[in-house]
PDB file of all heavy atoms in Angstrom:
ATOM      1  N   HIS A   1      -7.276  -4.957 -23.092  1.00  0.00           N
ATOM      2  CA  HIS A   1      -7.747  -5.404 -21.779  1.00  0.00           C
ATOM      3  C   HIS A   1      -6.827  -6.476 -21.193  1.00  0.00           C
ATOM      4  O   HIS A   1      -6.465  -6.416 -20.012  1.00  0.00           O
ATOM      5  CB  HIS A   1      -9.175  -5.937 -21.884  1.00  0.00           C
ATOM      6  CG  HIS A   1      -9.672  -6.524 -20.614  1.00  0.00           C
ATOM      7  ND1 HIS A   1      -9.964  -5.771 -19.505  1.00  0.00           N
ATOM      8  CD2 HIS A   1      -9.909  -7.811 -20.267  1.00  0.00           C
ATOM      9  CE1 HIS A   1     -10.363  -6.563 -18.530  1.00  0.00           C
ATOM     10  NE2 HIS A   1     -10.342  -7.815 -18.978  1.00  0.00           N
ATOM     11  N   ILE A   2      -6.437  -7.436 -21.980  1.00  0.00           N
ATOM     12  CA  ILE A   2      -5.568  -8.519 -21.503  1.00  0.00           C
ATOM     13  C   ILE A   2      -4.195  -7.974 -21.100  1.00  0.00           C
ATOM     14  O   ILE A   2      -3.651  -8.351 -20.066  1.00  0.00           O
ATOM     15  CB  ILE A   2      -5.452  -9.621 -22.580  1.00  0.00           C
ATOM     16  CG1 ILE A   2      -6.786 -10.355 -22.706  1.00  0.00           C
ATOM     17  CG2 ILE A   2      -4.342 -10.602 -22.240  1.00  0.00           C
ATOM     18  CD1 ILE A   2      -6.843 -11.324 -23.864  1.00  0.00           C
ATOM     19  N   SER A   3      -3.642  -7.074 -21.904  1.00  0.00           N
ATOM     20  CA  SER A   3      -2.319  -6.527 -21.572  1.00  0.00           C
ATOM     21  C   SER A   3      -2.383  -5.656 -20.317  1.00  0.00           C
ATOM     22  O   SER A   3      -1.471  -5.693 -19.484  1.00  0.00           O
ATOM     23  CB  SER A   3      -1.735  -5.750 -22.744  1.00  0.00           C
ATOM     24  OG  SER A   3      -2.546  -4.641 -23.058  1.00  0.00           O
ATOM     25  N   THR A   4      -3.439  -4.885 -20.136  1.00  0.00           N
ATOM     26  CA  THR A   4      -3.600  -4.080 -18.924  1.00  0.00           C
ATOM     27  C   THR A   4      -3.730  -4.968 -17.692  1.00  0.00           C
ATOM     28  O   THR A   4      -3.135  -4.685 -16.644  1.00  0.00           O
ATOM     29  CB  THR A   4      -4.833  -3.166 -19.052  1.00  0.00           C
ATOM     30  OG1 THR A   4      -4.710  -2.369 -20.216  1.00  0.00           O
ATOM     31  CG2 THR A   4      -4.978  -2.268 -17.830  1.00  0.00           C
ATOM     32  N   ALA A   5      -4.481  -6.032 -17.802  1.00  0.00           N
ATOM     33  CA  ALA A   5      -4.632  -6.964 -16.682  1.00  0.00           C
ATOM     34  C   ALA A   5      -3.300  -7.628 -16.349  1.00  0.00           C
ATOM     35  O   ALA A   5      -2.958  -7.798 -15.165  1.00  0.00           O
ATOM     36  CB  ALA A   5      -5.688  -8.017 -17.020  1.00  0.00           C
ATOM     37  N   ALA A   6      -2.525  -7.990 -17.350  1.00  0.00           N
ATOM     38  CA  ALA A   6      -1.226  -8.624 -17.106  1.00  0.00           C
ATOM     39  C   ALA A   6      -0.256  -7.653 -16.432  1.00  0.00           C
ATOM     40  O   ALA A   6       0.474  -8.026 -15.514  1.00  0.00           O
ATOM     41  CB  ALA A   6      -0.641  -9.135 -18.417  1.00  0.00           C
ATOM     42  N   ILE A   7      -0.248  -6.407 -16.863  1.00  0.00           N
ATOM     43  CA  ILE A   7       0.630  -5.407 -16.248  1.00  0.00           C
ATOM     44  C   ILE A   7       0.220  -5.150 -14.799  1.00  0.00           C
ATOM     45  O   ILE A   7       1.076  -5.066 -13.912  1.00  0.00           O
ATOM     46  CB  ILE A   7       0.614  -4.102 -17.077  1.00  0.00           C
ATOM     47  CG1 ILE A   7       1.315  -4.329 -18.411  1.00  0.00           C
ATOM     48  CG2 ILE A   7       1.263  -2.954 -16.312  1.00  0.00           C
ATOM     49  CD1 ILE A   7       1.147  -3.198 -19.398  1.00  0.00           C
ATOM     50  N   SER A   8      -1.077  -5.057 -14.550  1.00  0.00           N
ATOM     51  CA  SER A   8      -1.556  -4.849 -13.176  1.00  0.00           C
ATOM     52  C   SER A   8      -1.196  -6.025 -12.284  1.00  0.00           C
ATOM     53  O   SER A   8      -0.797  -5.843 -11.125  1.00  0.00           O
ATOM     54  CB  SER A   8      -3.067  -4.655 -13.164  1.00  0.00           C
ATOM     55  OG  SER A   8      -3.418  -3.484 -13.835  1.00  0.00           O
ATOM     56  N   GLU A   9      -1.326  -7.222 -12.798  1.00  0.00           N
ATOM     57  CA  GLU A   9      -0.987  -8.414 -12.018  1.00  0.00           C
ATOM     58  C   GLU A   9       0.507  -8.466 -11.706  1.00  0.00           C
ATOM     59  O   GLU A   9       0.907  -8.788 -10.578  1.00  0.00           O
ATOM     60  CB  GLU A   9      -1.411  -9.659 -12.790  1.00  0.00           C
ATOM     61  CG  GLU A   9      -1.284 -10.930 -11.991  1.00  0.00           C
ATOM     62  CD  GLU A   9      -1.856 -12.130 -12.743  1.00  0.00           C
ATOM     63  OE1 GLU A   9      -2.505 -11.930 -13.791  1.00  0.00           O
ATOM     64  OE2 GLU A   9      -1.644 -13.254 -12.271  1.00  0.00           O
ATOM     65  N   LYS A  10       1.333  -8.107 -12.669  1.00  0.00           N
ATOM     66  CA  LYS A  10       2.782  -8.093 -12.446  1.00  0.00           C
ATOM     67  C   LYS A  10       3.158  -7.064 -11.379  1.00  0.00           C
ATOM     68  O   LYS A  10       3.986  -7.324 -10.504  1.00  0.00           O
ATOM     69  CB  LYS A  10       3.510  -7.800 -13.752  1.00  0.00           C
ATOM     70  CG  LYS A  10       5.005  -7.865 -13.644  1.00  0.00           C
ATOM     71  CD  LYS A  10       5.668  -7.656 -14.981  1.00  0.00           C
ATOM     72  CE  LYS A  10       7.183  -7.720 -14.818  1.00  0.00           C
ATOM     73  NZ  LYS A  10       7.873  -7.540 -16.074  1.00  0.00           N
ATOM     74  N   LYS A  11       2.540  -5.894 -11.435  1.00  0.00           N
ATOM     75  CA  LYS A  11       2.795  -4.852 -10.438  1.00  0.00           C
ATOM     76  C   LYS A  11       2.339  -5.315  -9.057  1.00  0.00           C
ATOM     77  O   LYS A  11       3.025  -5.075  -8.056  1.00  0.00           O
ATOM     78  CB  LYS A  11       2.071  -3.568 -10.841  1.00  0.00           C
ATOM     79  CG  LYS A  11       2.364  -2.402  -9.945  1.00  0.00           C
ATOM     80  CD  LYS A  11       1.677  -1.149 -10.444  1.00  0.00           C
ATOM     81  CE  LYS A  11       1.954   0.014  -9.504  1.00  0.00           C
ATOM     82  NZ  LYS A  11       1.247   1.224  -9.917  1.00  0.00           N
ATOM     83  N   PHE A  12       1.199  -5.968  -8.978  1.00  0.00           N
ATOM     84  CA  PHE A  12       0.698  -6.479  -7.701  1.00  0.00           C
ATOM     85  C   PHE A  12       1.676  -7.482  -7.097  1.00  0.00           C
ATOM     86  O   PHE A  12       1.984  -7.413  -5.896  1.00  0.00           O
ATOM     87  CB  PHE A  12      -0.672  -7.142  -7.899  1.00  0.00           C
ATOM     88  CG  PHE A  12      -1.135  -7.921  -6.705  1.00  0.00           C
ATOM     89  CD1 PHE A  12      -1.612  -7.272  -5.591  1.00  0.00           C
ATOM     90  CD2 PHE A  12      -1.078  -9.305  -6.718  1.00  0.00           C
ATOM     91  CE1 PHE A  12      -2.036  -7.995  -4.488  1.00  0.00           C
ATOM     92  CE2 PHE A  12      -1.495 -10.031  -5.627  1.00  0.00           C
ATOM     93  CZ  PHE A  12      -1.980  -9.375  -4.506  1.00  0.00           C
ATOM     94  N   TYR A  13       2.174  -8.408  -7.890  1.00  0.00           N
ATOM     95  CA  TYR A  13       3.112  -9.405  -7.370  1.00  0.00           C
ATOM     96  C   TYR A  13       4.425  -8.772  -6.937  1.00  0.00           C
ATOM     97  O   TYR A  13       5.022  -9.175  -5.944  1.00  0.00           O
ATOM     98  CB  TYR A  13       3.358 -10.513  -8.393  1.00  0.00           C
ATOM     99  CG  TYR A  13       2.193 -11.462  -8.520  1.00  0.00           C
ATOM    100  CD1 TYR A  13       1.652 -11.772  -9.756  1.00  0.00           C
ATOM    101  CD2 TYR A  13       1.628 -12.049  -7.401  1.00  0.00           C
ATOM    102  CE1 TYR A  13       0.583 -12.630  -9.873  1.00  0.00           C
ATOM    103  CE2 TYR A  13       0.559 -12.908  -7.506  1.00  0.00           C
ATOM    104  CZ  TYR A  13       0.036 -13.209  -8.753  1.00  0.00           C
ATOM    105  OH  TYR A  13      -1.021 -14.058  -8.849  1.00  0.00           O
ATOM    106  N   SER A  14       4.865  -7.754  -7.644  1.00  0.00           N
ATOM    107  CA  SER A  14       6.089  -7.053  -7.256  1.00  0.00           C
ATOM    108  C   SER A  14       5.900  -6.328  -5.924  1.00  0.00           C
ATOM    109  O   SER A  14       6.767  -6.381  -5.048  1.00  0.00           O
ATOM    110  CB  SER A  14       6.484  -6.059  -8.353  1.00  0.00           C
ATOM    111  OG  SER A  14       7.588  -5.302  -7.949  1.00  0.00           O
ATOM    112  N   GLU A  15       4.773  -5.645  -5.752  1.00  0.00           N
ATOM    113  CA  GLU A  15       4.505  -4.957  -4.495  1.00  0.00           C
ATOM    114  C   GLU A  15       4.327  -5.933  -3.338  1.00  0.00           C
ATOM    115  O   GLU A  15       4.751  -5.652  -2.218  1.00  0.00           O
ATOM    116  CB  GLU A  15       3.276  -4.066  -4.636  1.00  0.00           C
ATOM    117  CG  GLU A  15       3.519  -2.843  -5.480  1.00  0.00           C
ATOM    118  CD  GLU A  15       2.283  -1.981  -5.658  1.00  0.00           C
ATOM    119  OE1 GLU A  15       1.236  -2.280  -5.054  1.00  0.00           O
ATOM    120  OE2 GLU A  15       2.376  -1.004  -6.415  1.00  0.00           O
ATOM    121  N   THR A  16       3.709  -7.069  -3.595  1.00  0.00           N
ATOM    122  CA  THR A  16       3.551  -8.090  -2.558  1.00  0.00           C
ATOM    123  C   THR A  16       4.902  -8.639  -2.140  1.00  0.00           C
ATOM    124  O   THR A  16       5.161  -8.826  -0.940  1.00  0.00           O
ATOM    125  CB  THR A  16       2.649  -9.241  -3.070  1.00  0.00           C
ATOM    126  OG1 THR A  16       1.394  -8.696  -3.464  1.00  0.00           O
ATOM    127  CG2 THR A  16       2.437 -10.285  -2.006  1.00  0.00           C
ATOM    128  N   GLU A  17       5.783  -8.857  -3.088  1.00  0.00           N
ATOM    129  CA  GLU A  17       7.127  -9.330  -2.775  1.00  0.00           C
ATOM    130  C   GLU A  17       7.873  -8.311  -1.915  1.00  0.00           C
ATOM    131  O   GLU A  17       8.511  -8.669  -0.918  1.00  0.00           O
ATOM    132  CB  GLU A  17       7.903  -9.589  -4.066  1.00  0.00           C
ATOM    133  CG  GLU A  17       9.320 -10.062  -3.833  1.00  0.00           C
ATOM    134  CD  GLU A  17      10.116 -10.173  -5.117  1.00  0.00           C
ATOM    135  OE1 GLU A  17       9.718  -9.575  -6.134  1.00  0.00           O
ATOM    136  OE2 GLU A  17      11.151 -10.856  -5.093  1.00  0.00           O
ATOM    137  N   GLN A  18       7.763  -7.030  -2.269  1.00  0.00           N
ATOM    138  CA  GLN A  18       8.417  -5.981  -1.490  1.00  0.00           C
ATOM    139  C   GLN A  18       7.837  -5.891  -0.075  1.00  0.00           C
ATOM    140  O   GLN A  18       8.558  -5.642   0.888  1.00  0.00           O
ATOM    141  CB  GLN A  18       8.299  -4.627  -2.189  1.00  0.00           C
ATOM    142  CG  GLN A  18       9.096  -4.525  -3.458  1.00  0.00           C
ATOM    143  CD  GLN A  18      10.566  -4.798  -3.231  1.00  0.00           C
ATOM    144  OE1 GLN A  18      11.206  -4.171  -2.400  1.00  0.00           O
ATOM    145  NE2 GLN A  18      11.109  -5.746  -3.969  1.00  0.00           N
ATOM    146  N   TYR A  19       6.536  -6.116   0.056  1.00  0.00           N
ATOM    147  CA  TYR A  19       5.904  -6.106   1.378  1.00  0.00           C
ATOM    148  C   TYR A  19       6.505  -7.194   2.268  1.00  0.00           C
ATOM    149  O   TYR A  19       6.839  -6.946   3.427  1.00  0.00           O
ATOM    150  CB  TYR A  19       4.391  -6.298   1.249  1.00  0.00           C
ATOM    151  CG  TYR A  19       3.724  -6.571   2.574  1.00  0.00           C
ATOM    152  CD1 TYR A  19       3.466  -5.530   3.460  1.00  0.00           C
ATOM    153  CD2 TYR A  19       3.371  -7.862   2.946  1.00  0.00           C
ATOM    154  CE1 TYR A  19       2.876  -5.781   4.680  1.00  0.00           C
ATOM    155  CE2 TYR A  19       2.786  -8.115   4.165  1.00  0.00           C
ATOM    156  CZ  TYR A  19       2.535  -7.071   5.028  1.00  0.00           C
ATOM    157  OH  TYR A  19       1.951  -7.318   6.246  1.00  0.00           O
ATOM    158  N   TYR A  20       6.642  -8.396   1.740  1.00  0.00           N
ATOM    159  CA  TYR A  20       7.185  -9.494   2.541  1.00  0.00           C
ATOM    160  C   TYR A  20       8.676  -9.287   2.844  1.00  0.00           C
ATOM    161  O   TYR A  20       9.142  -9.652   3.920  1.00  0.00           O
ATOM    162  CB  TYR A  20       6.953 -10.834   1.857  1.00  0.00           C
ATOM    163  CG  TYR A  20       5.520 -11.297   1.987  1.00  0.00           C
ATOM    164  CD1 TYR A  20       4.707 -11.418   0.872  1.00  0.00           C
ATOM    165  CD2 TYR A  20       4.970 -11.574   3.227  1.00  0.00           C
ATOM    166  CE1 TYR A  20       3.389 -11.816   0.998  1.00  0.00           C
ATOM    167  CE2 TYR A  20       3.655 -11.970   3.364  1.00  0.00           C
ATOM    168  CZ  TYR A  20       2.866 -12.086   2.243  1.00  0.00           C
ATOM    169  OH  TYR A  20       1.572 -12.474   2.373  1.00  0.00           O
ATOM    170  N   ILE A  21       9.404  -8.688   1.923  1.00  0.00           N
ATOM    171  CA  ILE A  21      10.822  -8.409   2.175  1.00  0.00           C
ATOM    172  C   ILE A  21      10.965  -7.375   3.282  1.00  0.00           C
ATOM    173  O   ILE A  21      11.767  -7.548   4.205  1.00  0.00           O
ATOM    174  CB  ILE A  21      11.522  -7.942   0.877  1.00  0.00           C
ATOM    175  CG1 ILE A  21      11.659  -9.110  -0.092  1.00  0.00           C
ATOM    176  CG2 ILE A  21      12.889  -7.352   1.181  1.00  0.00           C
ATOM    177  CD1 ILE A  21      12.165  -8.721  -1.468  1.00  0.00           C
ATOM    178  N   VAL A  22      10.173  -6.301   3.225  1.00  0.00           N
ATOM    179  CA  VAL A  22      10.275  -5.268   4.258  1.00  0.00           C
ATOM    180  C   VAL A  22       9.767  -5.806   5.597  1.00  0.00           C
ATOM    181  O   VAL A  22      10.280  -5.426   6.658  1.00  0.00           O
ATOM    182  CB  VAL A  22       9.555  -3.971   3.823  1.00  0.00           C
ATOM    183  CG1 VAL A  22       8.078  -4.006   4.064  1.00  0.00           C
ATOM    184  CG2 VAL A  22      10.161  -2.772   4.512  1.00  0.00           C
ATOM    185  N   ASP A  23       8.813  -6.705   5.584  1.00  0.00           N
ATOM    186  CA  ASP A  23       8.349  -7.342   6.819  1.00  0.00           C
ATOM    187  C   ASP A  23       9.459  -8.191   7.432  1.00  0.00           C
ATOM    188  O   ASP A  23       9.669  -8.172   8.651  1.00  0.00           O
ATOM    189  CB  ASP A  23       7.111  -8.194   6.525  1.00  0.00           C
ATOM    190  CG  ASP A  23       6.417  -8.662   7.780  1.00  0.00           C
ATOM    191  OD1 ASP A  23       6.228  -7.834   8.697  1.00  0.00           O
ATOM    192  OD2 ASP A  23       6.065  -9.850   7.847  1.00  0.00           O
ATOM    193  N   GLN A  24      10.177  -8.919   6.608  1.00  0.00           N
ATOM    194  CA  GLN A  24      11.309  -9.719   7.092  1.00  0.00           C
ATOM    195  C   GLN A  24      12.409  -8.822   7.644  1.00  0.00           C
ATOM    196  O   GLN A  24      12.997  -9.117   8.690  1.00  0.00           O
ATOM    197  CB  GLN A  24      11.851 -10.590   5.959  1.00  0.00           C
ATOM    198  CG  GLN A  24      12.970 -11.508   6.362  1.00  0.00           C
ATOM    199  CD  GLN A  24      12.508 -12.605   7.309  1.00  0.00           C
ATOM    200  OE1 GLN A  24      11.359 -13.032   7.263  1.00  0.00           O
ATOM    201  NE2 GLN A  24      13.387 -13.056   8.167  1.00  0.00           N
ATOM    202  N   LEU A  25      12.695  -7.717   6.960  1.00  0.00           N
ATOM    203  CA  LEU A  25      13.688  -6.765   7.452  1.00  0.00           C
ATOM    204  C   LEU A  25      13.279  -6.185   8.806  1.00  0.00           C
ATOM    205  O   LEU A  25      14.112  -6.017   9.700  1.00  0.00           O
ATOM    206  CB  LEU A  25      13.895  -5.630   6.453  1.00  0.00           C
ATOM    207  CG  LEU A  25      14.738  -5.943   5.234  1.00  0.00           C
ATOM    208  CD1 LEU A  25      14.655  -4.793   4.236  1.00  0.00           C
ATOM    209  CD2 LEU A  25      16.177  -6.198   5.614  1.00  0.00           C
ATOM    210  N   MET A  26      11.996  -5.876   8.967  1.00  0.00           N
ATOM    211  CA  MET A  26      11.515  -5.333  10.239  1.00  0.00           C
ATOM    212  C   MET A  26      11.666  -6.358  11.354  1.00  0.00           C
ATOM    213  O   MET A  26      12.057  -6.020  12.470  1.00  0.00           O
ATOM    214  CB  MET A  26      10.057  -4.887  10.099  1.00  0.00           C
ATOM    215  CG  MET A  26       9.520  -4.163  11.310  1.00  0.00           C
ATOM    216  SD  MET A  26      10.416  -2.671  11.794  1.00  0.00           S
ATOM    217  CE  MET A  26      10.002  -1.558  10.487  1.00  0.00           C
ATOM    218  N   LEU A  27      11.400  -7.606  11.055  1.00  0.00           N
ATOM    219  CA  LEU A  27      11.571  -8.664  12.056  1.00  0.00           C
ATOM    220  C   LEU A  27      13.035  -8.776  12.481  1.00  0.00           C
ATOM    221  O   LEU A  27      13.339  -8.873  13.676  1.00  0.00           O
ATOM    222  CB  LEU A  27      11.081 -10.001  11.489  1.00  0.00           C
ATOM    223  CG  LEU A  27      11.140 -11.199  12.409  1.00  0.00           C
ATOM    224  CD1 LEU A  27      10.217 -11.003  13.592  1.00  0.00           C
ATOM    225  CD2 LEU A  27      10.771 -12.456  11.656  1.00  0.00           C
ATOM    226  N   ILE A  28      13.940  -8.718  11.528  1.00  0.00           N
ATOM    227  CA  ILE A  28      15.376  -8.768  11.831  1.00  0.00           C
ATOM    228  C   ILE A  28      15.775  -7.548  12.671  1.00  0.00           C
ATOM    229  O   ILE A  28      16.522  -7.668  13.643  1.00  0.00           O
ATOM    230  CB  ILE A  28      16.203  -8.833  10.527  1.00  0.00           C
ATOM    231  CG1 ILE A  28      15.982 -10.167   9.817  1.00  0.00           C
ATOM    232  CG2 ILE A  28      17.687  -8.621  10.805  1.00  0.00           C
ATOM    233  CD1 ILE A  28      16.530 -10.209   8.396  1.00  0.00           C
ATOM    234  N   ALA A  29      15.263  -6.374  12.306  1.00  0.00           N
ATOM    235  CA  ALA A  29      15.600  -5.146  13.035  1.00  0.00           C
ATOM    236  C   ALA A  29      15.112  -5.201  14.475  1.00  0.00           C
ATOM    237  O   ALA A  29      15.836  -4.806  15.399  1.00  0.00           O
ATOM    238  CB  ALA A  29      15.006  -3.935  12.319  1.00  0.00           C
ATOM    239  N   VAL A  30      13.912  -5.680  14.694  1.00  0.00           N
ATOM    240  CA  VAL A  30      13.370  -5.777  16.052  1.00  0.00           C
ATOM    241  C   VAL A  30      14.192  -6.753  16.886  1.00  0.00           C
ATOM    242  O   VAL A  30      14.574  -6.453  18.021  1.00  0.00           O
ATOM    243  CB  VAL A  30      11.880  -6.176  16.022  1.00  0.00           C
ATOM    244  CG1 VAL A  30      11.379  -6.529  17.412  1.00  0.00           C
ATOM    245  CG2 VAL A  30      11.046  -5.053  15.437  1.00  0.00           C
TER     246      VAL A  30
END
């Protein structure tokens, strides 16, 4: 349970980081 929660949390933070990067790229593109 602890290892599954840690893996899910790591994936969430990675996806959140990618969201903010693509948002910044979109702002630059506009």
